[in-house]
Amino acid sequence: MAKKELPEFKTIGEMAEFWDTHDSTEFEEGEVEAVEYKPKRVVLSVRFDAGDMLAITREARRLGMDRATLVRVAVKQFLEKRRHSQG
């Protein structure tokens, strides 16, 4: 069976629609390349009381990570727990 040629896409939506109905094995090897998707990140500034910041700093040090990582992990765990409890 002859392999197909990959079309040109004008938008990401057009590309997504195409891949919803096609498989990469339909195309010549080397024409389709896997890419790693990295979601866009945004920055959020949060104010903490001095006592809370001290506790965050101490806990982050104890765990061997920086404060931002500790807070990000804690928020992600909270959100994941909420998702599971809501169904």
PDB file of N, CA and C in Angstrom:
ATOM      1  N   MET A   1       0.838  -1.189   0.000  1.00  0.00           N
ATOM      2  CA  MET A   1       0.000   0.000   0.000  1.00  0.00           C
ATOM      3  C   MET A   1       0.883   1.252   0.000  1.00  0.00           C
ATOM      4  N   ALA A   2       0.632   2.183  -0.892  1.00  0.00           N
ATOM      5  CA  ALA A   2       1.420   3.399  -0.999  1.00  0.00           C
ATOM      6  C   ALA A   2       1.150   4.311   0.191  1.00  0.00           C
ATOM      7  N   LYS A   3       2.229   4.916   0.663  1.00  0.00           N
ATOM      8  CA  LYS A   3       2.106   5.843   1.785  1.00  0.00           C
ATOM      9  C   LYS A   3       1.593   7.183   1.288  1.00  0.00           C
ATOM     10  N   LYS A   4       0.832   7.879   2.144  1.00  0.00           N
ATOM     11  CA  LYS A   4       0.255   9.182   1.793  1.00  0.00           C
ATOM     12  C   LYS A   4       1.254  10.298   2.056  1.00  0.00           C
ATOM     13  N   GLU A   5       1.001  11.440   1.420  1.00  0.00           N
ATOM     14  CA  GLU A   5       1.814  12.624   1.658  1.00  0.00           C
ATOM     15  C   GLU A   5       1.107  13.480   2.701  1.00  0.00           C
ATOM     16  N   LEU A   6       1.872  13.998   3.646  1.00  0.00           N
ATOM     17  CA  LEU A   6       1.314  14.818   4.715  1.00  0.00           C
ATOM     18  C   LEU A   6       0.893  16.174   4.162  1.00  0.00           C
ATOM     19  N   PRO A   7      -0.360  16.595   4.406  1.00  0.00           N
ATOM     20  CA  PRO A   7      -0.825  17.887   3.889  1.00  0.00           C
ATOM     21  C   PRO A   7      -0.246  19.060   4.673  1.00  0.00           C
ATOM     22  N   GLU A   8      -0.338  20.250   4.107  1.00  0.00           N
ATOM     23  CA  GLU A   8       0.052  21.486   4.806  1.00  0.00           C
ATOM     24  C   GLU A   8      -1.152  21.946   5.629  1.00  0.00           C
ATOM     25  N   PHE A   9      -0.898  22.448   6.825  1.00  0.00           N
ATOM     26  CA  PHE A   9      -1.981  22.922   7.690  1.00  0.00           C
ATOM     27  C   PHE A   9      -1.872  24.425   7.868  1.00  0.00           C
ATOM     28  N   LYS A  10      -3.013  25.104   7.852  1.00  0.00           N
ATOM     29  CA  LYS A  10      -3.039  26.555   8.032  1.00  0.00           C
ATOM     30  C   LYS A  10      -3.176  26.940   9.497  1.00  0.00           C
ATOM     31  N   THR A  11      -3.839  26.083  10.290  1.00  0.00           N
ATOM     32  CA  THR A  11      -4.051  26.382  11.707  1.00  0.00           C
ATOM     33  C   THR A  11      -3.805  25.134  12.546  1.00  0.00           C
ATOM     34  N   ILE A  12      -3.610  25.335  13.839  1.00  0.00           N
ATOM     35  CA  ILE A  12      -3.452  24.207  14.750  1.00  0.00           C
ATOM     36  C   ILE A  12      -4.759  23.423  14.823  1.00  0.00           C
ATOM     37  N   GLY A  13      -5.881  24.127  14.781  1.00  0.00           N
ATOM     38  CA  GLY A  13      -7.181  23.454  14.794  1.00  0.00           C
ATOM     39  C   GLY A  13      -7.346  22.515  13.609  1.00  0.00           C
ATOM     40  N   GLU A  14      -6.916  22.965  12.457  1.00  0.00           N
ATOM     41  CA  GLU A  14      -6.977  22.151  11.235  1.00  0.00           C
ATOM     42  C   GLU A  14      -6.102  20.905  11.397  1.00  0.00           C
ATOM     43  N   MET A  15      -4.921  21.081  11.992  1.00  0.00           N
ATOM     44  CA  MET A  15      -4.023  19.963  12.214  1.00  0.00           C
ATOM     45  C   MET A  15      -4.628  18.973  13.214  1.00  0.00           C
ATOM     46  N   ALA A  16      -5.209  19.488  14.291  1.00  0.00           N
ATOM     47  CA  ALA A  16      -5.815  18.625  15.307  1.00  0.00           C
ATOM     48  C   ALA A  16      -6.963  17.818  14.714  1.00  0.00           C
ATOM     49  N   GLU A  17      -7.766  18.466  13.906  1.00  0.00           N
ATOM     50  CA  GLU A  17      -8.889  17.790  13.245  1.00  0.00           C
ATOM     51  C   GLU A  17      -8.383  16.665  12.336  1.00  0.00           C
ATOM     52  N   PHE A  18      -7.306  16.927  11.615  1.00  0.00           N
ATOM     53  CA  PHE A  18      -6.727  15.937  10.717  1.00  0.00           C
ATOM     54  C   PHE A  18      -6.251  14.717  11.502  1.00  0.00           C
ATOM     55  N   TRP A  19      -5.500  14.943  12.612  1.00  0.00           N
ATOM     56  CA  TRP A  19      -4.940  13.830  13.372  1.00  0.00           C
ATOM     57  C   TRP A  19      -5.993  13.075  14.174  1.00  0.00           C
ATOM     58  N   ASP A  20      -7.184  13.657  14.341  1.00  0.00           N
ATOM     59  CA  ASP A  20      -8.297  12.931  14.974  1.00  0.00           C
ATOM     60  C   ASP A  20      -8.762  11.774  14.103  1.00  0.00           C
ATOM     61  N   THR A  21      -8.498  11.862  12.797  1.00  0.00           N
ATOM     62  CA  THR A  21      -9.003  10.844  11.867  1.00  0.00           C
ATOM     63  C   THR A  21      -7.895  10.126  11.098  1.00  0.00           C
ATOM     64  N   HIS A  22      -6.628  10.382  11.432  1.00  0.00           N
ATOM     65  CA  HIS A  22      -5.520   9.755  10.728  1.00  0.00           C
ATOM     66  C   HIS A  22      -4.507   9.186  11.716  1.00  0.00           C
ATOM     67  N   ASP A  23      -3.663   8.298  11.218  1.00  0.00           N
ATOM     68  CA  ASP A  23      -2.629   7.656  12.025  1.00  0.00           C
ATOM     69  C   ASP A  23      -1.284   7.921  11.367  1.00  0.00           C
ATOM     70  N   SER A  24      -0.246   8.129  12.172  1.00  0.00           N
ATOM     71  CA  SER A  24       1.071   8.464  11.618  1.00  0.00           C
ATOM     72  C   SER A  24       1.654   7.348  10.759  1.00  0.00           C
ATOM     73  N   THR A  25       1.192   6.109  10.947  1.00  0.00           N
ATOM     74  CA  THR A  25       1.710   4.996  10.143  1.00  0.00           C
ATOM     75  C   THR A  25       1.250   5.061   8.691  1.00  0.00           C
ATOM     76  N   GLU A  26       0.303   5.936   8.382  1.00  0.00           N
ATOM     77  CA  GLU A  26      -0.180   6.096   7.006  1.00  0.00           C
ATOM     78  C   GLU A  26       0.810   6.886   6.143  1.00  0.00           C
ATOM     79  N   PHE A  27       1.841   7.462   6.762  1.00  0.00           N
ATOM     80  CA  PHE A  27       2.731   8.382   6.065  1.00  0.00           C
ATOM     81  C   PHE A  27       4.158   7.854   6.030  1.00  0.00           C
ATOM     82  N   GLU A  28       4.936   8.382   5.082  1.00  0.00           N
ATOM     83  CA  GLU A  28       6.326   7.981   4.903  1.00  0.00           C
ATOM     84  C   GLU A  28       7.109   8.201   6.195  1.00  0.00           C
ATOM     85  N   GLU A  29       7.999   7.247   6.498  1.00  0.00           N
ATOM     86  CA  GLU A  29       8.848   7.389   7.672  1.00  0.00           C
ATOM     87  C   GLU A  29       9.723   8.619   7.498  1.00  0.00           C
ATOM     88  N   GLY A  30       9.867   9.397   8.537  1.00  0.00           N
ATOM     89  CA  GLY A  30      10.656  10.620   8.471  1.00  0.00           C
ATOM     90  C   GLY A  30       9.815  11.830   8.151  1.00  0.00           C
ATOM     91  N   GLU A  31       8.628  11.623   7.592  1.00  0.00           N
ATOM     92  CA  GLU A  31       7.755  12.751   7.273  1.00  0.00           C
ATOM     93  C   GLU A  31       6.989  13.197   8.517  1.00  0.00           C
ATOM     94  N   VAL A  32       6.739  12.268   9.426  1.00  0.00           N
ATOM     95  CA  VAL A  32       6.023  12.567  10.661  1.00  0.00           C
ATOM     96  C   VAL A  32       7.015  12.441  11.807  1.00  0.00           C
ATOM     97  N   GLU A  33       7.087  13.471  12.611  1.00  0.00           N
ATOM     98  CA  GLU A  33       8.059  13.506  13.697  1.00  0.00           C
ATOM     99  C   GLU A  33       7.344  13.755  15.023  1.00  0.00           C
ATOM    100  N   ALA A  34       7.667  12.963  16.028  1.00  0.00           N
ATOM    101  CA  ALA A  34       7.073  13.145  17.351  1.00  0.00           C
ATOM    102  C   ALA A  34       7.680  14.382  18.004  1.00  0.00           C
ATOM    103  N   VAL A  35       6.851  15.168  18.656  1.00  0.00           N
ATOM    104  CA  VAL A  35       7.325  16.336  19.392  1.00  0.00           C
ATOM    105  C   VAL A  35       6.790  16.281  20.811  1.00  0.00           C
ATOM    106  N   GLU A  36       7.529  16.861  21.702  1.00  0.00           N
ATOM    107  CA  GLU A  36       7.106  16.901  23.093  1.00  0.00           C
ATOM    108  C   GLU A  36       6.251  18.139  23.300  1.00  0.00           C
ATOM    109  N   TYR A  37       5.067  17.941  23.876  1.00  0.00           N
ATOM    110  CA  TYR A  37       4.168  19.059  24.149  1.00  0.00           C
ATOM    111  C   TYR A  37       4.499  19.641  25.511  1.00  0.00           C
ATOM    112  N   LYS A  38       4.752  20.913  25.552  1.00  0.00           N
ATOM    113  CA  LYS A  38       5.006  21.591  26.814  1.00  0.00           C
ATOM    114  C   LYS A  38       3.912  22.628  27.018  1.00  0.00           C
ATOM    115  N   PRO A  39       3.049  22.395  28.013  1.00  0.00           N
ATOM    116  CA  PRO A  39       1.985  23.366  28.236  1.00  0.00           C
ATOM    117  C   PRO A  39       2.551  24.730  28.634  1.00  0.00           C
ATOM    118  N   LYS A  40       1.846  25.756  28.248  1.00  0.00           N
ATOM    119  CA  LYS A  40       2.260  27.114  28.574  1.00  0.00           C
ATOM    120  C   LYS A  40       2.184  27.308  30.082  1.00  0.00           C
ATOM    121  N   ARG A  41       3.180  27.948  30.633  1.00  0.00           N
ATOM    122  CA  ARG A  41       3.196  28.246  32.062  1.00  0.00           C
ATOM    123  C   ARG A  41       3.001  29.737  32.261  1.00  0.00           C
ATOM    124  N   VAL A  42       2.327  30.082  33.322  1.00  0.00           N
ATOM    125  CA  VAL A  42       2.131  31.480  33.689  1.00  0.00           C
ATOM    126  C   VAL A  42       2.626  31.677  35.121  1.00  0.00           C
ATOM    127  N   VAL A  43       2.913  32.894  35.465  1.00  0.00           N
ATOM    128  CA  VAL A  43       3.416  33.215  36.795  1.00  0.00           C
ATOM    129  C   VAL A  43       2.289  33.811  37.617  1.00  0.00           C
ATOM    130  N   LEU A  44       2.209  33.392  38.877  1.00  0.00           N
ATOM    131  CA  LEU A  44       1.226  33.902  39.817  1.00  0.00           C
ATOM    132  C   LEU A  44       1.967  34.399  41.044  1.00  0.00           C
ATOM    133  N   SER A  45       1.747  35.635  41.392  1.00  0.00           N
ATOM    134  CA  SER A  45       2.375  36.201  42.576  1.00  0.00           C
ATOM    135  C   SER A  45       1.409  36.033  43.749  1.00  0.00           C
ATOM    136  N   VAL A  46       1.914  35.473  44.853  1.00  0.00           N
ATOM    137  CA  VAL A  46       1.080  35.211  46.028  1.00  0.00           C
ATOM    138  C   VAL A  46       1.738  35.841  47.247  1.00  0.00           C
ATOM    139  N   ARG A  47       0.953  36.540  48.075  1.00  0.00           N
ATOM    140  CA  ARG A  47       1.472  37.129  49.307  1.00  0.00           C
ATOM    141  C   ARG A  47       1.221  36.186  50.476  1.00  0.00           C
ATOM    142  N   PHE A  48       2.232  36.021  51.330  1.00  0.00           N
ATOM    143  CA  PHE A  48       2.120  35.211  52.542  1.00  0.00           C
ATOM    144  C   PHE A  48       2.495  36.054  53.740  1.00  0.00           C
ATOM    145  N   ASP A  49       1.892  35.746  54.876  1.00  0.00           N
ATOM    146  CA  ASP A  49       2.324  36.359  56.137  1.00  0.00           C
ATOM    147  C   ASP A  49       3.746  35.898  56.405  1.00  0.00           C
ATOM    148  N   ALA A  50       4.488  36.697  57.192  1.00  0.00           N
ATOM    149  CA  ALA A  50       5.885  36.378  57.481  1.00  0.00           C
ATOM    150  C   ALA A  50       6.024  35.001  58.132  1.00  0.00           C
ATOM    151  N   GLY A  51       5.122  34.669  59.040  1.00  0.00           N
ATOM    152  CA  GLY A  51       5.197  33.368  59.713  1.00  0.00           C
ATOM    153  C   GLY A  51       4.980  32.215  58.753  1.00  0.00           C
ATOM    154  N   ASP A  52       4.018  32.384  57.833  1.00  0.00           N
ATOM    155  CA  ASP A  52       3.768  31.341  56.836  1.00  0.00           C
ATOM    156  C   ASP A  52       4.957  31.199  55.891  1.00  0.00           C
ATOM    157  N   MET A  53       5.557  32.324  55.519  1.00  0.00           N
ATOM    158  CA  MET A  53       6.714  32.269  54.619  1.00  0.00           C
ATOM    159  C   MET A  53       7.883  31.570  55.299  1.00  0.00           C
ATOM    160  N   LEU A  54       8.063  31.817  56.580  1.00  0.00           N
ATOM    161  CA  LEU A  54       9.129  31.143  57.314  1.00  0.00           C
ATOM    162  C   LEU A  54       8.885  29.635  57.345  1.00  0.00           C
ATOM    163  N   ALA A  55       7.640  29.233  57.590  1.00  0.00           N
ATOM    164  CA  ALA A  55       7.301  27.803  57.610  1.00  0.00           C
ATOM    165  C   ALA A  55       7.506  27.178  56.233  1.00  0.00           C
ATOM    166  N   ILE A  56       7.129  27.889  55.179  1.00  0.00           N
ATOM    167  CA  ILE A  56       7.315  27.391  53.809  1.00  0.00           C
ATOM    168  C   ILE A  56       8.810  27.231  53.524  1.00  0.00           C
ATOM    169  N   THR A  57       9.597  28.222  53.911  1.00  0.00           N
ATOM    170  CA  THR A  57      11.037  28.178  53.683  1.00  0.00           C
ATOM    171  C   THR A  57      11.668  26.987  54.399  1.00  0.00           C
ATOM    172  N   ARG A  58      11.307  26.796  55.660  1.00  0.00           N
ATOM    173  CA  ARG A  58      11.860  25.681  56.428  1.00  0.00           C
ATOM    174  C   ARG A  58      11.473  24.332  55.819  1.00  0.00           C
ATOM    175  N   GLU A  59      10.197  24.183  55.448  1.00  0.00           N
ATOM    176  CA  GLU A  59       9.729  22.912  54.873  1.00  0.00           C
ATOM    177  C   GLU A  59      10.401  22.648  53.526  1.00  0.00           C
ATOM    178  N   ALA A  60      10.553  23.683  52.726  1.00  0.00           N
ATOM    179  CA  ALA A  60      11.212  23.532  51.421  1.00  0.00           C
ATOM    180  C   ALA A  60      12.657  23.071  51.616  1.00  0.00           C
ATOM    181  N   ARG A  61      13.354  23.689  52.549  1.00  0.00           N
ATOM    182  CA  ARG A  61      14.745  23.280  52.831  1.00  0.00           C
ATOM    183  C   ARG A  61      14.800  21.835  53.293  1.00  0.00           C
ATOM    184  N   ARG A  62      13.878  21.470  54.190  1.00  0.00           N
ATOM    185  CA  ARG A  62      13.852  20.104  54.716  1.00  0.00           C
ATOM    186  C   ARG A  62      13.670  19.093  53.589  1.00  0.00           C
ATOM    187  N   LEU A  63      12.859  19.461  52.590  1.00  0.00           N
ATOM    188  CA  LEU A  63      12.580  18.567  51.464  1.00  0.00           C
ATOM    189  C   LEU A  63      13.592  18.709  50.324  1.00  0.00           C
ATOM    190  N   GLY A  64      14.504  19.665  50.435  1.00  0.00           N
ATOM    191  CA  GLY A  64      15.530  19.847  49.407  1.00  0.00           C
ATOM    192  C   GLY A  64      15.020  20.473  48.128  1.00  0.00           C
ATOM    193  N   MET A  65      14.072  21.390  48.265  1.00  0.00           N
ATOM    194  CA  MET A  65      13.542  22.075  47.083  1.00  0.00           C
ATOM    195  C   MET A  65      13.392  23.559  47.392  1.00  0.00           C
ATOM    196  N   ASP A  66      13.174  24.362  46.356  1.00  0.00           N
ATOM    197  CA  ASP A  66      12.953  25.777  46.625  1.00  0.00           C
ATOM    198  C   ASP A  66      11.498  26.028  47.008  1.00  0.00           C
ATOM    199  N   ARG A  67      11.233  27.207  47.524  1.00  0.00           N
ATOM    200  CA  ARG A  67       9.887  27.531  48.019  1.00  0.00           C
ATOM    201  C   ARG A  67       8.830  27.461  46.927  1.00  0.00           C
ATOM    202  N   ALA A  68       9.153  27.972  45.742  1.00  0.00           N
ATOM    203  CA  ALA A  68       8.173  27.976  44.651  1.00  0.00           C
ATOM    204  C   ALA A  68       7.772  26.551  44.275  1.00  0.00           C
ATOM    205  N   THR A  69       8.743  25.653  44.249  1.00  0.00           N
ATOM    206  CA  THR A  69       8.439  24.252  43.928  1.00  0.00           C
ATOM    207  C   THR A  69       7.548  23.640  44.988  1.00  0.00           C
ATOM    208  N   LEU A  70       7.856  23.900  46.256  1.00  0.00           N
ATOM    209  CA  LEU A  70       7.031  23.370  47.336  1.00  0.00           C
ATOM    210  C   LEU A  70       5.585  23.859  47.223  1.00  0.00           C
ATOM    211  N   VAL A  71       5.403  25.146  46.998  1.00  0.00           N
ATOM    212  CA  VAL A  71       4.047  25.703  46.886  1.00  0.00           C
ATOM    213  C   VAL A  71       3.335  25.131  45.663  1.00  0.00           C
ATOM    214  N   ARG A  72       4.045  25.023  44.527  1.00  0.00           N
ATOM    215  CA  ARG A  72       3.450  24.470  43.303  1.00  0.00           C
ATOM    216  C   ARG A  72       3.008  23.026  43.525  1.00  0.00           C
ATOM    217  N   VAL A  73       3.853  22.211  44.176  1.00  0.00           N
ATOM    218  CA  VAL A  73       3.516  20.816  44.459  1.00  0.00           C
ATOM    219  C   VAL A  73       2.297  20.737  45.376  1.00  0.00           C
ATOM    220  N   ALA A  74       2.276  21.574  46.409  1.00  0.00           N
ATOM    221  CA  ALA A  74       1.147  21.570  47.350  1.00  0.00           C
ATOM    222  C   ALA A  74      -0.159  21.934  46.653  1.00  0.00           C
ATOM    223  N   VAL A  75      -0.121  22.931  45.794  1.00  0.00           N
ATOM    224  CA  VAL A  75      -1.337  23.337  45.072  1.00  0.00           C
ATOM    225  C   VAL A  75      -1.778  22.235  44.116  1.00  0.00           C
ATOM    226  N   LYS A  76      -0.834  21.623  43.404  1.00  0.00           N
ATOM    227  CA  LYS A  76      -1.183  20.529  42.487  1.00  0.00           C
ATOM    228  C   LYS A  76      -1.812  19.361  43.246  1.00  0.00           C
ATOM    229  N   GLN A  77      -1.261  19.020  44.423  1.00  0.00           N
ATOM    230  CA  GLN A  77      -1.832  17.947  45.229  1.00  0.00           C
ATOM    231  C   GLN A  77      -3.248  18.297  45.679  1.00  0.00           C
ATOM    232  N   PHE A  78      -3.455  19.530  46.081  1.00  0.00           N
ATOM    233  CA  PHE A  78      -4.779  19.986  46.494  1.00  0.00           C
ATOM    234  C   PHE A  78      -5.767  19.863  45.336  1.00  0.00           C
ATOM    235  N   LEU A  79      -5.374  20.350  44.155  1.00  0.00           N
ATOM    236  CA  LEU A  79      -6.265  20.300  42.988  1.00  0.00           C
ATOM    237  C   LEU A  79      -6.583  18.868  42.582  1.00  0.00           C
ATOM    238  N   GLU A  80      -5.578  18.001  42.631  1.00  0.00           N
ATOM    239  CA  GLU A  80      -5.792  16.592  42.289  1.00  0.00           C
ATOM    240  C   GLU A  80      -6.764  15.936  43.266  1.00  0.00           C
ATOM    241  N   LYS A  81      -6.620  16.231  44.535  1.00  0.00           N
ATOM    242  CA  LYS A  81      -7.517  15.691  45.554  1.00  0.00           C
ATOM    243  C   LYS A  81      -8.948  16.174  45.312  1.00  0.00           C
ATOM    244  N   ARG A  82      -9.102  17.442  44.948  1.00  0.00           N
ATOM    245  CA  ARG A  82     -10.427  18.019  44.659  1.00  0.00           C
ATOM    246  C   ARG A  82     -11.054  17.330  43.434  1.00  0.00           C
ATOM    247  N   ARG A  83     -10.240  17.095  42.393  1.00  0.00           N
ATOM    248  CA  ARG A  83     -10.745  16.432  41.187  1.00  0.00           C
ATOM    249  C   ARG A  83     -11.296  15.049  41.519  1.00  0.00           C
ATOM    250  N   HIS A  84     -10.550  14.313  42.348  1.00  0.00           N
ATOM    251  CA  HIS A  84     -10.974  12.958  42.712  1.00  0.00           C
ATOM    252  C   HIS A  84     -12.216  12.961  43.587  1.00  0.00           C
ATOM    253  N   SER A  85     -12.330  13.951  44.468  1.00  0.00           N
ATOM    254  CA  SER A  85     -13.487  13.985  45.356  1.00  0.00           C
ATOM    255  C   SER A  85     -14.751  14.465  44.640  1.00  0.00           C
ATOM    256  N   GLN A  86     -14.586  15.173  43.524  1.00  0.00           N
ATOM    257  CA  GLN A  86     -15.741  15.683  42.773  1.00  0.00           C
ATOM    258  C   GLN A  86     -16.179  14.737  41.660  1.00  0.00           C
ATOM    259  N   GLY A  87     -15.508  13.621  41.539  1.00  0.00           N
ATOM    260  CA  GLY A  87     -15.960  12.635  40.567  1.00  0.00           C
ATOM    261  C   GLY A  87     -15.106  12.508  39.410  1.00  0.00           C
TER     262      GLY A  87
END
